C-alpha atoms as a PDB file:
ATOM      1  CA  MET A   1    -114.215  75.811   2.672  1.00  0.00           C
ATOM      2  CA  PRO A   2    -115.930  78.812   1.044  1.00  0.00           C
ATOM      3  CA  VAL A   3    -119.162  78.144  -0.849  1.00  0.00           C
ATOM      4  CA  TYR A   4    -117.733  79.651  -4.047  1.00  0.00           C
ATOM      5  CA  ASP A   5    -115.110  76.881  -4.081  1.00  0.00           C
ATOM      6  CA  LEU A   6    -117.918  74.315  -3.931  1.00  0.00           C
ATOM      7  CA  LEU A   7    -119.585  76.047  -6.887  1.00  0.00           C
ATOM      8  CA  GLY A   8    -116.499  76.075  -9.096  1.00  0.00           C
ATOM      9  CA  GLY A   9    -114.317  78.933  -7.896  1.00  0.00           C
ATOM     10  CA  LYS A  10    -114.364  82.673  -7.434  1.00  0.00           C
ATOM     11  CA  SER A  11    -116.696  84.772  -9.515  1.00  0.00           C
ATOM     12  CA  ARG A  12    -115.539  86.802 -12.476  1.00  0.00           C
ATOM     13  CA  ASP A  13    -115.924  90.466 -13.217  1.00  0.00           C
ATOM     14  CA  ALA A  14    -116.994  89.712 -16.782  1.00  0.00           C
ATOM     15  CA  VAL A  15    -117.867  86.839 -19.083  1.00  0.00           C
ATOM     16  CA  ALA A  16    -117.323  86.377 -22.784  1.00  0.00           C
ATOM     17  CA  VAL A  17    -120.472  86.634 -24.889  1.00  0.00           C
ATOM     18  CA  TYR A  18    -121.103  86.269 -28.589  1.00  0.00           C
ATOM     19  CA  MET A  19    -123.309  87.989 -31.091  1.00  0.00           C
ATOM     20  CA  TYR A  20    -125.275  86.261 -33.805  1.00  0.00           C
ATOM     21  CA  ALA A  21    -124.850  87.157 -37.481  1.00  0.00           C
ATOM     22  CA  ASN A  22    -127.191  85.419 -39.894  1.00  0.00           C
ATOM     23  CA  GLY A  23    -128.701  86.063 -43.269  1.00  0.00           C
ATOM     24  CA  SER A  24    -130.014  84.652 -46.496  1.00  0.00           C
ATOM     25  CA  SER A  25    -126.902  85.739 -48.396  1.00  0.00           C
ATOM     26  CA  LEU A  26    -123.222  85.659 -47.570  1.00  0.00           C
ATOM     27  CA  GLU A  27    -123.090  89.423 -48.026  1.00  0.00           C
ATOM     28  CA  ASP A  28    -125.733  89.871 -45.285  1.00  0.00           C
ATOM     29  CA  VAL A  29    -123.812  87.623 -42.897  1.00  0.00           C
ATOM     30  CA  ILE A  30    -120.502  89.379 -43.557  1.00  0.00           C
ATOM     31  CA  GLU A  31    -122.069  92.826 -43.152  1.00  0.00           C
ATOM     32  CA  LYS A  32    -123.654  91.901 -39.811  1.00  0.00           C
ATOM     33  CA  ALA A  33    -120.455  90.234 -38.575  1.00  0.00           C
ATOM     34  CA  GLN A  34    -118.379  93.306 -39.441  1.00  0.00           C
ATOM     35  CA  ALA A  35    -120.835  95.547 -37.597  1.00  0.00           C
ATOM     36  CA  HIS A  36    -120.610  93.353 -34.478  1.00  0.00           C
ATOM     37  CA  TRP A  37    -116.802  93.318 -34.727  1.00  0.00           C
ATOM     38  CA  GLU A  38    -116.717  97.114 -34.990  1.00  0.00           C
ATOM     39  CA  ASN A  39    -118.925  97.307 -31.881  1.00  0.00           C
ATOM     40  CA  GLY A  40    -116.280  95.411 -29.913  1.00  0.00           C
ATOM     41  CA  PHE A  41    -117.486  91.811 -29.978  1.00  0.00           C
ATOM     42  CA  SER A  42    -114.680  89.258 -30.334  1.00  0.00           C
ATOM     43  CA  TYR A  43    -116.904  86.204 -30.680  1.00  0.00           C
ATOM     44  CA  ILE A  44    -119.469  86.111 -33.461  1.00  0.00           C
ATOM     45  CA  ARG A  45    -121.583  83.140 -34.452  1.00  0.00           C
ATOM     46  CA  LEU A  46    -122.131  83.029 -38.202  1.00  0.00           C
ATOM     47  CA  GLN A  47    -125.037  81.265 -39.846  1.00  0.00           C
ATOM     48  CA  TYR A  48    -125.724  81.348 -43.549  1.00  0.00           C
ATOM     49  CA  ASP A  49    -129.189  80.121 -44.475  1.00  0.00           C
ATOM     50  CA  PRO A  50    -130.054  80.533 -48.147  1.00  0.00           C
ATOM     51  CA  LEU A  51    -133.580  79.260 -47.402  1.00  0.00           C
ATOM     52  CA  GLU A  52    -134.245  81.914 -44.740  1.00  0.00           C
ATOM     53  CA  SER A  53    -136.418  83.816 -47.182  1.00  0.00           C
ATOM     54  CA  PHE A  54    -138.270  80.645 -48.188  1.00  0.00           C
ATOM     55  CA  SER A  55    -141.973  81.354 -48.076  1.00  0.00           C
ATOM     56  CA  MET A  56    -144.460  78.812 -46.746  1.00  0.00           C
ATOM     57  CA  GLU A  57    -147.101  80.643 -48.782  1.00  0.00           C
ATOM     58  CA  TRP A  58    -145.128  79.788 -51.917  1.00  0.00           C
ATOM     59  CA  LEU A  59    -144.994  76.146 -50.838  1.00  0.00           C
ATOM     60  CA  THR A  60    -148.740  76.015 -50.216  1.00  0.00           C
ATOM     61  CA  ASN A  61    -149.502  77.606 -53.587  1.00  0.00           C
ATOM     62  CA  ASP A  62    -147.081  75.242 -55.326  1.00  0.00           C
ATOM     63  CA  ARG A  63    -148.713  72.173 -53.783  1.00  0.00           C
ATOM     64  CA  ARG A  64    -152.189  73.388 -54.744  1.00  0.00           C
ATOM     65  CA  SER A  65    -151.184  74.066 -58.328  1.00  0.00           C
ATOM     66  CA  ARG A  66    -149.325  70.790 -58.905  1.00  0.00           C
ATOM     67  CA  GLY A  67    -151.185  68.369 -56.614  1.00  0.00           C
ATOM     68  CA  THR A  68    -150.371  66.891 -53.232  1.00  0.00           C
ATOM     69  CA  LYS A  69    -147.338  64.864 -54.382  1.00  0.00           C
ATOM     70  CA  SER A  70    -145.202  67.829 -55.345  1.00  0.00           C
ATOM     71  CA  GLY A  71    -143.176  70.272 -53.321  1.00  0.00           C
ATOM     72  CA  CYS A  72    -141.506  70.047 -49.955  1.00  0.00           C
ATOM     73  CA  TYR A  73    -143.305  68.561 -46.987  1.00  0.00           C
ATOM     74  CA  LEU A  74    -142.965  69.273 -43.293  1.00  0.00           C
ATOM     75  CA  ASP A  75    -144.244  66.590 -40.932  1.00  0.00           C
ATOM     76  CA  SER A  76    -144.770  68.669 -37.802  1.00  0.00           C
ATOM     77  CA  ARG A  77    -145.487  65.657 -35.582  1.00  0.00           C
ATOM     78  CA  LYS A  78    -142.296  63.892 -36.641  1.00  0.00           C
ATOM     79  CA  TYR A  79    -140.319  67.120 -36.241  1.00  0.00           C
ATOM     80  CA  ALA A  80    -141.654  67.671 -32.716  1.00  0.00           C
ATOM     81  CA  ARG A  81    -140.994  64.041 -31.744  1.00  0.00           C
ATOM     82  CA  GLU A  82    -137.424  64.031 -33.043  1.00  0.00           C
ATOM     83  CA  THR A  83    -136.589  67.492 -31.733  1.00  0.00           C
ATOM     84  CA  VAL A  84    -137.437  66.715 -28.110  1.00  0.00           C
ATOM     85  CA  HIS A  85    -136.309  63.065 -28.185  1.00  0.00           C
ATOM     86  CA  PRO A  86    -132.734  63.646 -26.890  1.00  0.00           C
ATOM     87  CA  TYR A  87    -134.096  65.559 -23.898  1.00  0.00           C
END
């Protein structure tokens, strides 16, 4: 039996890949996706993140101006624990 059969079959000449189109507005995402499509990519991962332009500096200034109980908080220890937990 050939080794390639043990590893899942004959090799391929090419594999499908995808490009990534993201942005802080839908217009940005659509523009990037269209550019990838025009460059010949058939598979495009889209991600719309309206908070992409969110500034941590703004958050820090907001917390200083209104006290420690306001704003959005990021618990880096909890994030690290929960992110690696499944692995």
